[in-house]
Amino acid sequence: MKIELVTFDKRFLDLSWIWLSDPEVKQLSGTPDFTKEDQEKWFKSLNDTKNYRIWGITADTVPIGATGLKRITEKSACVFWYIGDKNYWGRGIGNFIASEMSNEGRKLNLEYLYGEPNIENFRSINLLFKEGYKIVRYEKTYYVVKKLL
């Protein structure tokens, strides 16, 4: 299976509406409620946003999710991803994505990346631990984890 990070275009935007409306994906990813209008406004703002980068994820050219870096500063960024197509859960794709996000962080000369996995998202938490992230604090519904680059 060939996993690639590609441009997050309208097709990923439309699929993300479906994926992030799924109660399980929404809960595990910590996605807040949003409207189609909110989503369109956000998508239109991407070209002008300097502290946010997003890619679509494909498996053998099939769109399956999204990943990126948000809240980018001179020193850090928050890493995120979601595999919206549940047929691809548990296939090791997160390992590739986490590695690629570390590479993107290094390209930006960041000191560290952090993540905010939902406390019930055991797969992501275990993956982040394997990738060298450490828990720095606990919030009500998520951990804050950090990895030095």
C-alpha atoms as a PDB file:
ATOM      1  CA  MET A   1       0.000   0.000   0.000  1.00  0.00           C
ATOM      2  CA  LYS A   2       1.425   3.375  -1.020  1.00  0.00           C
ATOM      3  CA  ILE A   3       0.680   6.160   1.479  1.00  0.00           C
ATOM      4  CA  GLU A   4       1.152   9.744   0.325  1.00  0.00           C
ATOM      5  CA  LEU A   5       0.601  13.232   1.649  1.00  0.00           C
ATOM      6  CA  VAL A   6      -1.034  15.363  -1.032  1.00  0.00           C
ATOM      7  CA  THR A   7      -2.644  18.771  -1.412  1.00  0.00           C
ATOM      8  CA  PHE A   8      -5.683  19.179   0.808  1.00  0.00           C
ATOM      9  CA  ASP A   9      -8.177  20.163  -1.863  1.00  0.00           C
ATOM     10  CA  LYS A  10     -11.956  20.401  -2.195  1.00  0.00           C
ATOM     11  CA  ARG A  11     -12.314  16.639  -2.418  1.00  0.00           C
ATOM     12  CA  PHE A  12     -10.655  16.251   0.998  1.00  0.00           C
ATOM     13  CA  LEU A  13     -12.768  19.093   2.350  1.00  0.00           C
ATOM     14  CA  ASP A  14     -15.962  17.348   1.242  1.00  0.00           C
ATOM     15  CA  LEU A  15     -14.821  13.986   2.600  1.00  0.00           C
ATOM     16  CA  SER A  16     -13.750  15.601   5.883  1.00  0.00           C
ATOM     17  CA  TRP A  17     -17.320  16.799   6.352  1.00  0.00           C
ATOM     18  CA  ILE A  18     -18.417  13.160   6.188  1.00  0.00           C
ATOM     19  CA  TRP A  19     -15.506  11.760   8.190  1.00  0.00           C
ATOM     20  CA  LEU A  20     -15.678  14.314  11.001  1.00  0.00           C
ATOM     21  CA  SER A  21     -19.453  13.923  11.234  1.00  0.00           C
ATOM     22  CA  ASP A  22     -18.982  10.277  12.206  1.00  0.00           C
ATOM     23  CA  PRO A  23     -19.450  10.228  16.009  1.00  0.00           C
ATOM     24  CA  GLU A  24     -16.463   7.947  16.626  1.00  0.00           C
ATOM     25  CA  VAL A  25     -14.046   9.886  14.405  1.00  0.00           C
ATOM     26  CA  LYS A  26     -15.325  13.170  15.834  1.00  0.00           C
ATOM     27  CA  GLN A  27     -14.871  11.984  19.423  1.00  0.00           C
ATOM     28  CA  LEU A  28     -11.438  10.403  18.946  1.00  0.00           C
ATOM     29  CA  SER A  29     -10.128  13.425  17.050  1.00  0.00           C
ATOM     30  CA  GLY A  30     -11.624  15.924  19.509  1.00  0.00           C
ATOM     31  CA  THR A  31     -13.368  17.756  16.694  1.00  0.00           C
ATOM     32  CA  PRO A  32     -15.723  20.506  17.859  1.00  0.00           C
ATOM     33  CA  ASP A  33     -19.109  21.096  16.266  1.00  0.00           C
ATOM     34  CA  PHE A  34     -18.939  23.060  13.023  1.00  0.00           C
ATOM     35  CA  THR A  35     -21.229  23.953  10.140  1.00  0.00           C
ATOM     36  CA  LYS A  36     -20.684  23.674   6.398  1.00  0.00           C
ATOM     37  CA  GLU A  37     -20.321  27.461   6.384  1.00  0.00           C
ATOM     38  CA  ASP A  38     -17.643  27.288   9.099  1.00  0.00           C
ATOM     39  CA  GLN A  39     -15.814  24.658   7.084  1.00  0.00           C
ATOM     40  CA  GLU A  40     -15.944  26.679   3.840  1.00  0.00           C
ATOM     41  CA  LYS A  41     -14.717  29.819   5.598  1.00  0.00           C
ATOM     42  CA  TRP A  42     -11.836  27.866   7.156  1.00  0.00           C
ATOM     43  CA  PHE A  43     -10.916  26.304   3.792  1.00  0.00           C
ATOM     44  CA  LYS A  44     -10.886  29.701   2.057  1.00  0.00           C
ATOM     45  CA  SER A  45      -8.593  31.075   4.775  1.00  0.00           C
ATOM     46  CA  LEU A  46      -5.891  28.428   4.271  1.00  0.00           C
ATOM     47  CA  ASN A  47      -3.947  30.350   1.611  1.00  0.00           C
ATOM     48  CA  ASP A  48      -3.578  33.340   3.932  1.00  0.00           C
ATOM     49  CA  THR A  49      -2.772  31.371   7.079  1.00  0.00           C
ATOM     50  CA  LYS A  50       0.927  31.192   7.952  1.00  0.00           C
ATOM     51  CA  ASN A  51       0.631  29.145  11.138  1.00  0.00           C
ATOM     52  CA  TYR A  52      -1.303  26.196   9.704  1.00  0.00           C
ATOM     53  CA  ARG A  53      -0.354  23.522   7.163  1.00  0.00           C
ATOM     54  CA  ILE A  54      -2.558  20.638   6.100  1.00  0.00           C
ATOM     55  CA  TRP A  55      -2.212  17.705   3.713  1.00  0.00           C
ATOM     56  CA  GLY A  56      -4.612  15.079   2.496  1.00  0.00           C
ATOM     57  CA  ILE A  57      -3.633  11.456   3.091  1.00  0.00           C
ATOM     58  CA  THR A  58      -4.072   8.898   0.313  1.00  0.00           C
ATOM     59  CA  ALA A  59      -3.624   5.129   0.257  1.00  0.00           C
ATOM     60  CA  ASP A  60      -3.000   3.931  -3.304  1.00  0.00           C
ATOM     61  CA  THR A  61      -4.499   7.276  -4.441  1.00  0.00           C
ATOM     62  CA  VAL A  62      -7.695   6.771  -2.373  1.00  0.00           C
ATOM     63  CA  PRO A  63      -8.362   9.744  -0.036  1.00  0.00           C
ATOM     64  CA  ILE A  64      -8.474   8.416   3.532  1.00  0.00           C
ATOM     65  CA  GLY A  65      -7.743  11.324   5.889  1.00  0.00           C
ATOM     66  CA  ALA A  66      -5.805  14.475   6.665  1.00  0.00           C
ATOM     67  CA  THR A  67      -2.770  15.558   8.656  1.00  0.00           C
ATOM     68  CA  GLY A  68      -0.951  18.729   9.434  1.00  0.00           C
ATOM     69  CA  LEU A  69       0.706  21.182  11.735  1.00  0.00           C
ATOM     70  CA  LYS A  70      -1.246  23.932  13.441  1.00  0.00           C
ATOM     71  CA  ARG A  71      -0.399  26.788  15.793  1.00  0.00           C
ATOM     72  CA  ILE A  72       3.036  26.973  14.142  1.00  0.00           C
ATOM     73  CA  THR A  73       5.466  29.308  15.909  1.00  0.00           C
ATOM     74  CA  GLU A  74       9.209  29.830  15.576  1.00  0.00           C
ATOM     75  CA  LYS A  75       9.816  26.965  18.010  1.00  0.00           C
ATOM     76  CA  SER A  76       6.868  24.586  17.869  1.00  0.00           C
ATOM     77  CA  ALA A  77       3.723  23.292  16.208  1.00  0.00           C
ATOM     78  CA  CYS A  78       0.812  21.097  17.167  1.00  0.00           C
ATOM     79  CA  VAL A  79       0.643  17.928  15.089  1.00  0.00           C
ATOM     80  CA  PHE A  80      -2.706  16.410  14.121  1.00  0.00           C
ATOM     81  CA  TRP A  81      -4.134  13.745  11.870  1.00  0.00           C
ATOM     82  CA  TYR A  82      -7.225  11.694  11.342  1.00  0.00           C
ATOM     83  CA  ILE A  83      -7.919   8.654   9.234  1.00  0.00           C
ATOM     84  CA  GLY A  84     -11.526   9.233   8.309  1.00  0.00           C
ATOM     85  CA  ASP A  85     -11.945   6.063   6.278  1.00  0.00           C
ATOM     86  CA  LYS A  86     -12.244   3.402   8.974  1.00  0.00           C
ATOM     87  CA  ASN A  87     -11.273   0.677   6.485  1.00  0.00           C
ATOM     88  CA  TYR A  88      -7.713   1.962   6.952  1.00  0.00           C
ATOM     89  CA  TRP A  89      -7.625   1.970  10.754  1.00  0.00           C
ATOM     90  CA  GLY A  90      -5.069  -0.314  12.372  1.00  0.00           C
ATOM     91  CA  ARG A  91      -2.896  -0.643   9.273  1.00  0.00           C
ATOM     92  CA  GLY A  92       0.156   1.257  10.526  1.00  0.00           C
ATOM     93  CA  ILE A  93      -0.552   4.403   8.531  1.00  0.00           C
ATOM     94  CA  GLY A  94      -0.184   6.561  11.643  1.00  0.00           C
ATOM     95  CA  ASN A  95       3.489   5.542  11.902  1.00  0.00           C
ATOM     96  CA  PHE A  96       4.155   6.990   8.449  1.00  0.00           C
ATOM     97  CA  ILE A  97       2.176  10.141   9.199  1.00  0.00           C
ATOM     98  CA  ALA A  98       3.898  10.789  12.533  1.00  0.00           C
ATOM     99  CA  SER A  99       7.294  10.383  10.881  1.00  0.00           C
ATOM    100  CA  GLU A 100       6.348  12.725   8.033  1.00  0.00           C
ATOM    101  CA  MET A 101       5.102  15.376  10.458  1.00  0.00           C
ATOM    102  CA  SER A 102       8.408  15.176  12.329  1.00  0.00           C
ATOM    103  CA  ASN A 103      10.185  15.687   8.998  1.00  0.00           C
ATOM    104  CA  GLU A 104       7.974  18.710   8.250  1.00  0.00           C
ATOM    105  CA  GLY A 105       8.752  20.127  11.687  1.00  0.00           C
ATOM    106  CA  ARG A 106      12.475  19.741  11.038  1.00  0.00           C
ATOM    107  CA  LYS A 107      12.110  21.494   7.650  1.00  0.00           C
ATOM    108  CA  LEU A 108      10.645  24.439   9.566  1.00  0.00           C
ATOM    109  CA  ASN A 109      13.572  24.293  12.041  1.00  0.00           C
ATOM    110  CA  LEU A 110      11.201  23.761  14.940  1.00  0.00           C
ATOM    111  CA  GLU A 111      12.523  22.718  18.348  1.00  0.00           C
ATOM    112  CA  TYR A 112       9.580  20.475  19.170  1.00  0.00           C
ATOM    113  CA  LEU A 113       6.184  19.202  18.157  1.00  0.00           C
ATOM    114  CA  TYR A 114       3.303  18.605  20.495  1.00  0.00           C
ATOM    115  CA  GLY A 115       0.005  16.822  20.185  1.00  0.00           C
ATOM    116  CA  GLU A 116      -3.304  16.776  21.993  1.00  0.00           C
ATOM    117  CA  PRO A 117      -4.693  13.248  21.733  1.00  0.00           C
ATOM    118  CA  ASN A 118      -8.076  12.505  23.235  1.00  0.00           C
ATOM    119  CA  ILE A 119      -7.599  10.452  26.411  1.00  0.00           C
ATOM    120  CA  GLU A 120      -9.740   7.699  24.881  1.00  0.00           C
ATOM    121  CA  ASN A 121      -7.733   7.525  21.651  1.00  0.00           C
ATOM    122  CA  PHE A 122      -5.452   4.704  22.792  1.00  0.00           C
ATOM    123  CA  ARG A 123      -4.103   3.958  19.309  1.00  0.00           C
ATOM    124  CA  SER A 124      -2.893   7.522  18.794  1.00  0.00           C
ATOM    125  CA  ILE A 125      -1.483   7.781  22.300  1.00  0.00           C
ATOM    126  CA  ASN A 126       0.500   4.534  21.897  1.00  0.00           C
ATOM    127  CA  LEU A 127       1.714   5.644  18.483  1.00  0.00           C
ATOM    128  CA  LEU A 128       2.855   8.999  19.837  1.00  0.00           C
ATOM    129  CA  PHE A 129       4.748   7.240  22.643  1.00  0.00           C
ATOM    130  CA  LYS A 130       6.475   4.993  20.078  1.00  0.00           C
ATOM    131  CA  GLU A 131       7.421   8.131  18.122  1.00  0.00           C
ATOM    132  CA  GLY A 132       9.132   9.640  21.158  1.00  0.00           C
ATOM    133  CA  TYR A 133       6.417  11.914  22.525  1.00  0.00           C
ATOM    134  CA  LYS A 134       6.139  12.280  26.310  1.00  0.00           C
ATOM    135  CA  ILE A 135       3.139  13.428  28.332  1.00  0.00           C
ATOM    136  CA  VAL A 136       3.682  16.948  29.657  1.00  0.00           C
ATOM    137  CA  ARG A 137       0.225  17.514  31.096  1.00  0.00           C
ATOM    138  CA  TYR A 138      -3.301  16.236  31.335  1.00  0.00           C
ATOM    139  CA  GLU A 139      -6.337  18.312  30.428  1.00  0.00           C
ATOM    140  CA  LYS A 140      -9.981  17.412  30.961  1.00  0.00           C
ATOM    141  CA  THR A 141     -10.402  15.359  27.769  1.00  0.00           C
ATOM    142  CA  TYR A 142      -6.904  15.104  26.300  1.00  0.00           C
ATOM    143  CA  TYR A 143      -3.216  14.803  27.045  1.00  0.00           C
ATOM    144  CA  VAL A 144      -0.620  17.270  25.894  1.00  0.00           C
ATOM    145  CA  VAL A 145       2.361  15.332  24.563  1.00  0.00           C
ATOM    146  CA  LYS A 146       5.674  16.717  23.331  1.00  0.00           C
ATOM    147  CA  LYS A 147       8.556  15.511  21.182  1.00  0.00           C
ATOM    148  CA  LEU A 148      11.900  17.251  20.783  1.00  0.00           C
ATOM    149  CA  LEU A 149      13.110  17.449  17.229  1.00  0.00           C
END
